[in-house]
C-alpha atoms as a PDB file:
ATOM      1  CA  MET A   1      -2.671  19.540   0.301  1.00  0.00           C
ATOM      2  CA  HIS A   2       0.122  18.850  -2.154  1.00  0.00           C
ATOM      3  CA  SER A   3       0.405  15.450  -3.805  1.00  0.00           C
ATOM      4  CA  PRO A   4       2.218  13.027  -1.469  1.00  0.00           C
ATOM      5  CA  ILE A   5       5.954  12.645  -1.981  1.00  0.00           C
ATOM      6  CA  ALA A   6       7.631   9.235  -2.299  1.00  0.00           C
ATOM      7  CA  ILE A   7      10.841   8.923  -0.278  1.00  0.00           C
ATOM      8  CA  SER A   8      12.861   5.890  -1.361  1.00  0.00           C
ATOM      9  CA  SER A   9      14.327   3.630   1.319  1.00  0.00           C
ATOM     10  CA  PHE A  10      16.003   0.212   1.436  1.00  0.00           C
ATOM     11  CA  ASN A  11      15.782  -1.598  -1.912  1.00  0.00           C
ATOM     12  CA  ASP A  12      12.223  -0.885  -2.958  1.00  0.00           C
ATOM     13  CA  ASN A  13      10.300   0.778  -0.113  1.00  0.00           C
ATOM     14  CA  TYR A  14       8.472   4.066  -0.399  1.00  0.00           C
ATOM     15  CA  ILE A  15       7.860   6.241   2.649  1.00  0.00           C
ATOM     16  CA  TRP A  16       5.051   8.636   1.792  1.00  0.00           C
ATOM     17  CA  ILE A  17       5.199  12.224   3.030  1.00  0.00           C
ATOM     18  CA  ILE A  18       2.012  14.275   3.021  1.00  0.00           C
ATOM     19  CA  GLU A  19       2.651  18.004   3.212  1.00  0.00           C
ATOM     20  CA  THR A  20       0.001  20.106   4.953  1.00  0.00           C
ATOM     21  CA  ASP A  21      -0.166  23.633   6.319  1.00  0.00           C
ATOM     22  CA  GLN A  22       0.267  22.121   9.791  1.00  0.00           C
ATOM     23  CA  GLY A  23       3.359  20.077   9.014  1.00  0.00           C
ATOM     24  CA  CYS A  24       4.167  16.804   7.255  1.00  0.00           C
ATOM     25  CA  TRP A  25       2.612  13.446   7.955  1.00  0.00           C
ATOM     26  CA  VAL A  26       4.881  10.453   7.381  1.00  0.00           C
ATOM     27  CA  VAL A  27       3.468   7.058   6.397  1.00  0.00           C
ATOM     28  CA  ASP A  28       5.344   3.866   7.365  1.00  0.00           C
ATOM     29  CA  PRO A  29       8.847   5.215   8.052  1.00  0.00           C
ATOM     30  CA  GLY A  30      10.966   2.074   8.037  1.00  0.00           C
ATOM     31  CA  ASP A  31      14.100   4.225   7.928  1.00  0.00           C
ATOM     32  CA  ALA A  32      14.381   7.660   9.540  1.00  0.00           C
ATOM     33  CA  LYS A  33      17.483   8.897   7.696  1.00  0.00           C
ATOM     34  CA  PRO A  34      15.953   9.728   4.291  1.00  0.00           C
ATOM     35  CA  VAL A  35      12.929  11.298   5.997  1.00  0.00           C
ATOM     36  CA  ILE A  36      15.042  13.526   8.236  1.00  0.00           C
ATOM     37  CA  SER A  37      17.223  14.498   5.272  1.00  0.00           C
ATOM     38  CA  TRP A  38      14.137  15.529   3.318  1.00  0.00           C
ATOM     39  CA  LEU A  39      12.624  17.445   6.239  1.00  0.00           C
ATOM     40  CA  VAL A  40      15.854  19.368   6.851  1.00  0.00           C
ATOM     41  CA  ALA A  41      16.478  20.080   3.155  1.00  0.00           C
ATOM     42  CA  ASN A  42      12.929  21.379   2.707  1.00  0.00           C
ATOM     43  CA  GLN A  43      12.759  23.167   6.080  1.00  0.00           C
ATOM     44  CA  GLN A  44       9.670  21.224   7.072  1.00  0.00           C
ATOM     45  CA  ARG A  45       8.405  20.043  10.441  1.00  0.00           C
ATOM     46  CA  ILE A  46       6.852  16.657  11.074  1.00  0.00           C
ATOM     47  CA  ALA A  47       3.217  16.661  12.189  1.00  0.00           C
ATOM     48  CA  GLY A  48       2.814  12.956  12.899  1.00  0.00           C
ATOM     49  CA  ILE A  49       3.242   9.384  11.705  1.00  0.00           C
ATOM     50  CA  LEU A  50       0.768   6.865  10.312  1.00  0.00           C
ATOM     51  CA  LEU A  51       1.637   3.164  10.646  1.00  0.00           C
ATOM     52  CA  THR A  52      -0.163   0.450   8.682  1.00  0.00           C
ATOM     53  CA  HIS A  53       1.413  -2.703  10.176  1.00  0.00           C
ATOM     54  CA  HIS A  54       4.245  -3.975  12.333  1.00  0.00           C
ATOM     55  CA  HIS A  55       6.913  -5.118   9.868  1.00  0.00           C
ATOM     56  CA  ALA A  56      10.349  -3.611  10.481  1.00  0.00           C
ATOM     57  CA  ASP A  57      10.622  -1.929   7.091  1.00  0.00           C
ATOM     58  CA  HIS A  58       7.533   0.109   8.036  1.00  0.00           C
ATOM     59  CA  VAL A  59       8.207   0.979  11.679  1.00  0.00           C
ATOM     60  CA  GLY A  60      11.997   0.897  12.032  1.00  0.00           C
ATOM     61  CA  GLY A  61      12.442   4.660  11.841  1.00  0.00           C
ATOM     62  CA  VAL A  62       9.796   5.693  14.367  1.00  0.00           C
ATOM     63  CA  GLU A  63      12.055   6.072  17.420  1.00  0.00           C
ATOM     64  CA  ALA A  64      14.661   8.117  15.520  1.00  0.00           C
ATOM     65  CA  LEU A  65      11.944  10.395  14.158  1.00  0.00           C
ATOM     66  CA  GLU A  66      10.566  10.876  17.675  1.00  0.00           C
ATOM     67  CA  ALA A  67      14.061  11.866  18.805  1.00  0.00           C
ATOM     68  CA  PHE A  68      14.369  14.243  15.847  1.00  0.00           C
ATOM     69  CA  ALA A  69      11.028  15.839  16.713  1.00  0.00           C
ATOM     70  CA  GLN A  70      12.200  16.403  20.277  1.00  0.00           C
ATOM     71  CA  THR A  71      15.156  18.427  18.975  1.00  0.00           C
ATOM     72  CA  GLN A  72      12.519  20.712  17.440  1.00  0.00           C
ATOM     73  CA  GLN A  73      10.609  20.898  20.732  1.00  0.00           C
ATOM     74  CA  GLN A  74       7.848  18.651  19.391  1.00  0.00           C
ATOM     75  CA  THR A  75       6.064  15.644  20.815  1.00  0.00           C
ATOM     76  CA  LEU A  76       5.300  13.317  17.953  1.00  0.00           C
ATOM     77  CA  THR A  77       1.891  11.669  17.523  1.00  0.00           C
ATOM     78  CA  VAL A  78       2.142   8.172  16.084  1.00  0.00           C
ATOM     79  CA  TRP A  79      -1.057   6.466  14.946  1.00  0.00           C
ATOM     80  CA  GLY A  80      -1.118   2.718  14.385  1.00  0.00           C
ATOM     81  CA  PRO A  81      -3.066  -0.535  14.761  1.00  0.00           C
ATOM     82  CA  ASP A  82      -2.990  -2.812  17.802  1.00  0.00           C
ATOM     83  CA  GLU A  83      -0.082  -4.790  16.382  1.00  0.00           C
ATOM     84  CA  CYS A  84       1.987  -1.565  16.498  1.00  0.00           C
ATOM     85  CA  GLN A  85       1.459  -0.905  20.219  1.00  0.00           C
ATOM     86  CA  ARG A  86       5.224  -0.790  20.767  1.00  0.00           C
ATOM     87  CA  TRP A  87       5.604   2.235  18.474  1.00  0.00           C
ATOM     88  CA  ARG A  88       2.259   4.037  18.411  1.00  0.00           C
ATOM     89  CA  THR A  89       1.062   6.747  20.769  1.00  0.00           C
ATOM     90  CA  GLU A  90      -2.547   6.663  19.519  1.00  0.00           C
ATOM     91  CA  ALA A  91      -4.715   3.702  18.497  1.00  0.00           C
ATOM     92  CA  ALA A  92      -6.131   3.547  14.976  1.00  0.00           C
ATOM     93  CA  LYS A  93      -8.791   0.861  14.743  1.00  0.00           C
ATOM     94  CA  PRO A  94     -10.778  -0.335  11.723  1.00  0.00           C
ATOM     95  CA  GLY A  95     -13.944   1.721  11.405  1.00  0.00           C
ATOM     96  CA  ASP A  96     -12.461   4.756  13.152  1.00  0.00           C
ATOM     97  CA  LEU A  97     -12.869   8.186  11.600  1.00  0.00           C
ATOM     98  CA  LEU A  98      -9.857  10.192  12.696  1.00  0.00           C
ATOM     99  CA  SER A  99      -9.661  13.970  12.637  1.00  0.00           C
ATOM    100  CA  LEU A 100      -5.987  14.748  12.053  1.00  0.00           C
ATOM    101  CA  PRO A 101      -4.374  18.216  11.878  1.00  0.00           C
ATOM    102  CA  GLY A 102      -3.871  19.222   8.280  1.00  0.00           C
ATOM    103  CA  LEU A 103      -5.405  16.009   6.912  1.00  0.00           C
ATOM    104  CA  GLY A 104      -9.009  16.418   7.995  1.00  0.00           C
ATOM    105  CA  GLN A 105     -11.146  13.294   8.208  1.00  0.00           C
ATOM    106  CA  VAL A 106      -9.281  10.011   7.766  1.00  0.00           C
ATOM    107  CA  SER A 107     -11.049   6.637   7.659  1.00  0.00           C
ATOM    108  CA  VAL A 108      -9.291   3.575   9.054  1.00  0.00           C
ATOM    109  CA  ILE A 109      -9.939   0.442   6.969  1.00  0.00           C
ATOM    110  CA  ASP A 110      -9.349  -3.189   7.921  1.00  0.00           C
ATOM    111  CA  VAL A 111      -7.002  -4.658   5.306  1.00  0.00           C
ATOM    112  CA  SER A 112      -5.816  -7.659   7.310  1.00  0.00           C
ATOM    113  CA  ALA A 113      -4.246 -10.620   5.486  1.00  0.00           C
ATOM    114  CA  HIS A 114      -0.582  -9.665   4.932  1.00  0.00           C
ATOM    115  CA  THR A 115      -0.597  -9.294   8.718  1.00  0.00           C
ATOM    116  CA  LEU A 116      -3.542  -9.912  11.031  1.00  0.00           C
ATOM    117  CA  GLY A 117      -3.874  -6.307  12.178  1.00  0.00           C
ATOM    118  CA  HIS A 118      -2.973  -4.479   8.957  1.00  0.00           C
ATOM    119  CA  ILE A 119      -4.900  -1.242   8.406  1.00  0.00           C
ATOM    120  CA  ALA A 120      -5.099   1.377   5.663  1.00  0.00           C
ATOM    121  CA  TYR A 121      -5.815   5.100   5.863  1.00  0.00           C
ATOM    122  CA  PHE A 122      -8.332   6.616   3.452  1.00  0.00           C
ATOM    123  CA  LEU A 123      -8.707  10.360   2.976  1.00  0.00           C
ATOM    124  CA  PRO A 124     -12.135  10.842   1.313  1.00  0.00           C
ATOM    125  CA  GLU A 125     -11.021  14.250   0.109  1.00  0.00           C
ATOM    126  CA  PRO A 126      -9.025  14.061  -2.138  1.00  0.00           C
ATOM    127  CA  ALA A 127      -9.591  10.247  -2.290  1.00  0.00           C
ATOM    128  CA  TRP A 128      -6.155   8.974  -1.241  1.00  0.00           C
ATOM    129  CA  LEU A 129      -5.533   5.474   0.140  1.00  0.00           C
ATOM    130  CA  PHE A 130      -2.338   4.653   2.040  1.00  0.00           C
ATOM    131  CA  CYS A 131      -2.460   0.880   2.064  1.00  0.00           C
ATOM    132  CA  GLY A 132       0.985  -0.311   3.179  1.00  0.00           C
ATOM    133  CA  ASP A 133       1.548  -3.844   1.894  1.00  0.00           C
ATOM    134  CA  SER A 134      -2.091  -4.860   1.461  1.00  0.00           C
ATOM    135  CA  LEU A 135      -2.306  -3.864  -2.214  1.00  0.00           C
ATOM    136  CA  PHE A 136       0.385  -3.071  -4.767  1.00  0.00           C
ATOM    137  CA  SER A 137       0.052  -1.953  -8.332  1.00  0.00           C
ATOM    138  CA  ALA A 138      -0.769  -5.131 -10.249  1.00  0.00           C
ATOM    139  CA  GLY A 139      -0.339  -7.196  -7.078  1.00  0.00           C
ATOM    140  CA  CYS A 140      -1.012  -7.656  -3.380  1.00  0.00           C
ATOM    141  CA  GLY A 141       0.908  -8.530  -0.234  1.00  0.00           C
ATOM    142  CA  ARG A 142       1.943 -12.054   0.645  1.00  0.00           C
ATOM    143  CA  LEU A 143      -0.121 -13.940   3.200  1.00  0.00           C
ATOM    144  CA  PHE A 144       2.348 -13.919   6.081  1.00  0.00           C
ATOM    145  CA  GLU A 145      -0.292 -14.128   8.836  1.00  0.00           C
ATOM    146  CA  GLY A 146      -3.763 -14.081   7.334  1.00  0.00           C
ATOM    147  CA  THR A 147      -5.925 -16.380   5.215  1.00  0.00           C
ATOM    148  CA  PRO A 148      -7.126 -16.277   1.600  1.00  0.00           C
ATOM    149  CA  LEU A 149     -10.625 -15.463   2.875  1.00  0.00           C
ATOM    150  CA  GLN A 150      -9.281 -12.451   4.793  1.00  0.00           C
ATOM    151  CA  LEU A 151      -7.418 -11.337   1.680  1.00  0.00           C
ATOM    152  CA  PHE A 152     -10.596 -11.720  -0.378  1.00  0.00           C
ATOM    153  CA  HIS A 153     -12.532  -9.460   2.005  1.00  0.00           C
ATOM    154  CA  THR A 154      -9.649  -6.959   2.144  1.00  0.00           C
ATOM    155  CA  LEU A 155      -9.574  -6.678  -1.633  1.00  0.00           C
ATOM    156  CA  GLN A 156     -13.355  -6.274  -1.693  1.00  0.00           C
ATOM    157  CA  ARG A 157     -13.132  -3.381   0.784  1.00  0.00           C
ATOM    158  CA  ILE A 158     -10.515  -1.650  -1.322  1.00  0.00           C
ATOM    159  CA  ASN A 159     -12.439  -2.311  -4.537  1.00  0.00           C
ATOM    160  CA  ASP A 160     -15.543  -0.718  -2.997  1.00  0.00           C
ATOM    161  CA  LEU A 161     -13.775   2.665  -2.843  1.00  0.00           C
ATOM    162  CA  PRO A 162     -14.383   5.261  -5.582  1.00  0.00           C
ATOM    163  CA  ALA A 163     -12.731   4.443  -8.909  1.00  0.00           C
ATOM    164  CA  HIS A 164     -10.792   7.736  -8.883  1.00  0.00           C
ATOM    165  CA  THR A 165      -9.084   6.843  -5.586  1.00  0.00           C
ATOM    166  CA  HIS A 166      -5.316   7.316  -5.744  1.00  0.00           C
ATOM    167  CA  ILE A 167      -3.514   4.385  -4.134  1.00  0.00           C
ATOM    168  CA  PHE A 168      -0.152   4.790  -2.378  1.00  0.00           C
ATOM    169  CA  PRO A 169       1.429   1.364  -1.699  1.00  0.00           C
ATOM    170  CA  ALA A 170       4.689   1.004   0.173  1.00  0.00           C
ATOM    171  CA  HIS A 171       6.787  -0.884  -2.407  1.00  0.00           C
ATOM    172  CA  GLU A 172       8.004  -0.480  -5.977  1.00  0.00           C
ATOM    173  CA  TYR A 173       6.968  -3.895  -7.256  1.00  0.00           C
ATOM    174  CA  THR A 174       4.939  -2.825 -10.279  1.00  0.00           C
ATOM    175  CA  GLN A 175       7.175  -3.965 -13.142  1.00  0.00           C
ATOM    176  CA  LYS A 176       7.648  -7.462 -11.710  1.00  0.00           C
ATOM    177  CA  ASN A 177       3.957  -7.703 -10.859  1.00  0.00           C
ATOM    178  CA  LEU A 178       2.970  -6.775 -14.406  1.00  0.00           C
ATOM    179  CA  ALA A 179       5.324  -9.385 -15.834  1.00  0.00           C
ATOM    180  CA  PHE A 180       3.552 -12.041 -13.760  1.00  0.00           C
ATOM    181  CA  ALA A 181       0.099 -10.642 -14.544  1.00  0.00           C
ATOM    182  CA  GLN A 182       0.737 -11.111 -18.269  1.00  0.00           C
ATOM    183  CA  HIS A 183       1.138 -14.858 -17.665  1.00  0.00           C
ATOM    184  CA  VAL A 184      -2.202 -14.858 -15.866  1.00  0.00           C
ATOM    185  CA  GLU A 185      -4.065 -12.859 -18.532  1.00  0.00           C
ATOM    186  CA  PRO A 186      -2.005 -12.993 -21.742  1.00  0.00           C
ATOM    187  CA  SER A 187      -4.823 -11.474 -23.814  1.00  0.00           C
ATOM    188  CA  ASN A 188      -5.264  -8.429 -21.547  1.00  0.00           C
ATOM    189  CA  GLU A 189      -4.154  -5.493 -23.707  1.00  0.00           C
ATOM    190  CA  SER A 190      -4.197  -3.132 -20.726  1.00  0.00           C
ATOM    191  CA  LEU A 191      -1.436  -5.203 -19.139  1.00  0.00           C
ATOM    192  CA  ALA A 192       0.804  -4.995 -22.193  1.00  0.00           C
ATOM    193  CA  LEU A 193       0.368  -1.226 -22.358  1.00  0.00           C
ATOM    194  CA  ALA A 194       0.986  -0.837 -18.617  1.00  0.00           C
ATOM    195  CA  TYR A 195       4.140  -2.968 -18.752  1.00  0.00           C
ATOM    196  CA  HIS A 196       5.571  -0.862 -21.582  1.00  0.00           C
ATOM    197  CA  GLU A 197       4.684   2.354 -19.746  1.00  0.00           C
ATOM    198  CA  VAL A 198       6.084   1.261 -16.372  1.00  0.00           C
ATOM    199  CA  SER A 199       9.257  -0.115 -17.949  1.00  0.00           C
ATOM    200  CA  SER A 200       9.865   3.297 -19.506  1.00  0.00           C
ATOM    201  CA  TRP A 201       9.283   5.024 -16.178  1.00  0.00           C
ATOM    202  CA  ARG A 202      11.648   2.729 -14.338  1.00  0.00           C
ATOM    203  CA  GLU A 203      14.387   3.226 -16.949  1.00  0.00           C
ATOM    204  CA  GLN A 204      14.083   6.932 -16.121  1.00  0.00           C
ATOM    205  CA  LYS A 205      14.192   6.122 -12.362  1.00  0.00           C
ATOM    206  CA  ARG A 206      10.640   7.414 -12.022  1.00  0.00           C
ATOM    207  CA  PRO A 207       8.268   5.819  -9.490  1.00  0.00           C
ATOM    208  CA  SER A 208       5.397   3.809 -10.919  1.00  0.00           C
ATOM    209  CA  LEU A 209       3.233   4.999  -8.026  1.00  0.00           C
ATOM    210  CA  PRO A 210       0.727   6.186  -7.056  1.00  0.00           C
ATOM    211  CA  THR A 211      -1.761   4.232  -9.063  1.00  0.00           C
ATOM    212  CA  THR A 212      -5.545   4.557  -9.201  1.00  0.00           C
ATOM    213  CA  LEU A 213      -8.248   2.055  -8.390  1.00  0.00           C
ATOM    214  CA  ALA A 214      -9.645   2.460 -11.911  1.00  0.00           C
ATOM    215  CA  ARG A 215      -6.253   1.443 -13.333  1.00  0.00           C
ATOM    216  CA  GLU A 216      -5.902  -1.485 -10.923  1.00  0.00           C
ATOM    217  CA  ARG A 217      -9.266  -2.849 -11.941  1.00  0.00           C
ATOM    218  CA  LEU A 218      -7.806  -3.242 -15.439  1.00  0.00           C
ATOM    219  CA  ILE A 219      -4.337  -4.602 -14.608  1.00  0.00           C
ATOM    220  CA  ASN A 220      -4.328  -6.165 -11.136  1.00  0.00           C
ATOM    221  CA  PRO A 221      -5.051  -9.909 -11.321  1.00  0.00           C
ATOM    222  CA  PHE A 222      -6.017  -9.965  -7.631  1.00  0.00           C
ATOM    223  CA  LEU A 223      -8.888  -7.596  -8.459  1.00  0.00           C
ATOM    224  CA  ARG A 224      -9.831  -9.516 -11.611  1.00  0.00           C
ATOM    225  CA  LEU A 225     -11.031 -12.855 -10.268  1.00  0.00           C
ATOM    226  CA  HIS A 226     -14.086 -12.451 -12.505  1.00  0.00           C
ATOM    227  CA  SER A 227     -11.940 -12.770 -15.666  1.00  0.00           C
ATOM    228  CA  PRO A 228     -12.660 -16.031 -17.557  1.00  0.00           C
ATOM    229  CA  GLU A 229      -9.103 -16.098 -18.910  1.00  0.00           C
ATOM    230  CA  LEU A 230      -7.644 -15.626 -15.431  1.00  0.00           C
ATOM    231  CA  ARG A 231      -9.816 -18.407 -14.040  1.00  0.00           C
ATOM    232  CA  GLU A 232      -8.734 -20.718 -16.870  1.00  0.00           C
ATOM    233  CA  GLN A 233      -5.040 -19.951 -16.388  1.00  0.00           C
ATOM    234  CA  VAL A 234      -5.200 -20.376 -12.603  1.00  0.00           C
ATOM    235  CA  SER A 235      -7.123 -23.653 -12.992  1.00  0.00           C
ATOM    236  CA  HIS A 236      -4.386 -24.866 -15.325  1.00  0.00           C
ATOM    237  CA  PHE A 237      -1.712 -23.922 -12.769  1.00  0.00           C
ATOM    238  CA  ALA A 238      -3.593 -25.585  -9.900  1.00  0.00           C
ATOM    239  CA  GLU A 239      -4.673 -28.584 -12.013  1.00  0.00           C
ATOM    240  CA  GLN A 240      -8.141 -28.084 -10.631  1.00  0.00           C
ATOM    241  CA  ALA A 241     -11.386 -26.801 -12.098  1.00  0.00           C
ATOM    242  CA  PHE A 242     -12.749 -23.459 -10.930  1.00  0.00           C
ATOM    243  CA  GLN A 243     -14.616 -23.761  -7.609  1.00  0.00           C
ATOM    244  CA  SER A 244     -14.929 -20.272  -6.147  1.00  0.00           C
ATOM    245  CA  GLU A 245     -13.285 -16.865  -6.279  1.00  0.00           C
ATOM    246  CA  VAL A 246     -11.763 -17.395  -2.830  1.00  0.00           C
ATOM    247  CA  ILE A 247     -10.115 -20.645  -3.900  1.00  0.00           C
ATOM    248  CA  THR A 248      -8.964 -19.022  -7.137  1.00  0.00           C
ATOM    249  CA  LEU A 249      -7.475 -16.175  -5.110  1.00  0.00           C
ATOM    250  CA  ALA A 250      -5.590 -18.652  -2.904  1.00  0.00           C
ATOM    251  CA  GLN A 251      -4.269 -20.479  -5.964  1.00  0.00           C
ATOM    252  CA  LEU A 252      -3.311 -17.212  -7.664  1.00  0.00           C
ATOM    253  CA  ARG A 253      -1.411 -16.089  -4.574  1.00  0.00           C
ATOM    254  CA  GLN A 254       0.376 -19.452  -4.454  1.00  0.00           C
ATOM    255  CA  TRP A 255       1.293 -19.103  -8.149  1.00  0.00           C
ATOM    256  CA  LYS A 256       2.665 -15.606  -7.559  1.00  0.00           C
ATOM    257  CA  ASP A 257       4.671 -16.800  -4.541  1.00  0.00           C
ATOM    258  CA  GLN A 258       6.329 -19.425  -6.724  1.00  0.00           C
ATOM    259  CA  SER A 259       7.046 -17.096  -9.640  1.00  0.00           C
END
């Protein structure tokens, strides 16, 4: 398989396209137009769609892509969690091991917190994670439906993956996330280097994604609850002494929401 391609949509969304010898898989198509334009320009057919959660900027293009597939005499397979029943044709449930044409074995991971039924798709070979809005580079998704405890377990599940895992989030938030992360860990040299690097990329209109889990362990405050400096800074924000990593995570998320 070729490296996934980032298709820009809306202000900061990425729709990921995975090219295989059996067609292209499309992850979280919130908008069909840029996907169809890419497929036509590259003379590619669509093999199927993977949905991570129900928000409109992730599912809004499904029906138009189904209509496009019909013009090519195709019936489109759309995988998604229970919260995407309106759009999916096949259920993808946490713990499932899917066998998908061109992709091989795909593990479905529970990453609920941003939404209650949010899932991620992990391809063990070549270690790719399509995580929607559960994790971003140097950040994570807001708690629209879930709890800090759910977010804590979600981040643990992601952090348990191999360090070389390439992570494909659905938004270009990295530069802003790194700016916040430097307030949380001002002495973290990896953050300063990453901010300089990402700022250069964005000036050149280059995506900052994908990232790797190894990189995120160095720069993502939501994966660094063990950091003494982070704990001290969050305690100062919350005006409360450290109690637990879950409480620190909740306070960190609150701080980020207010930033």
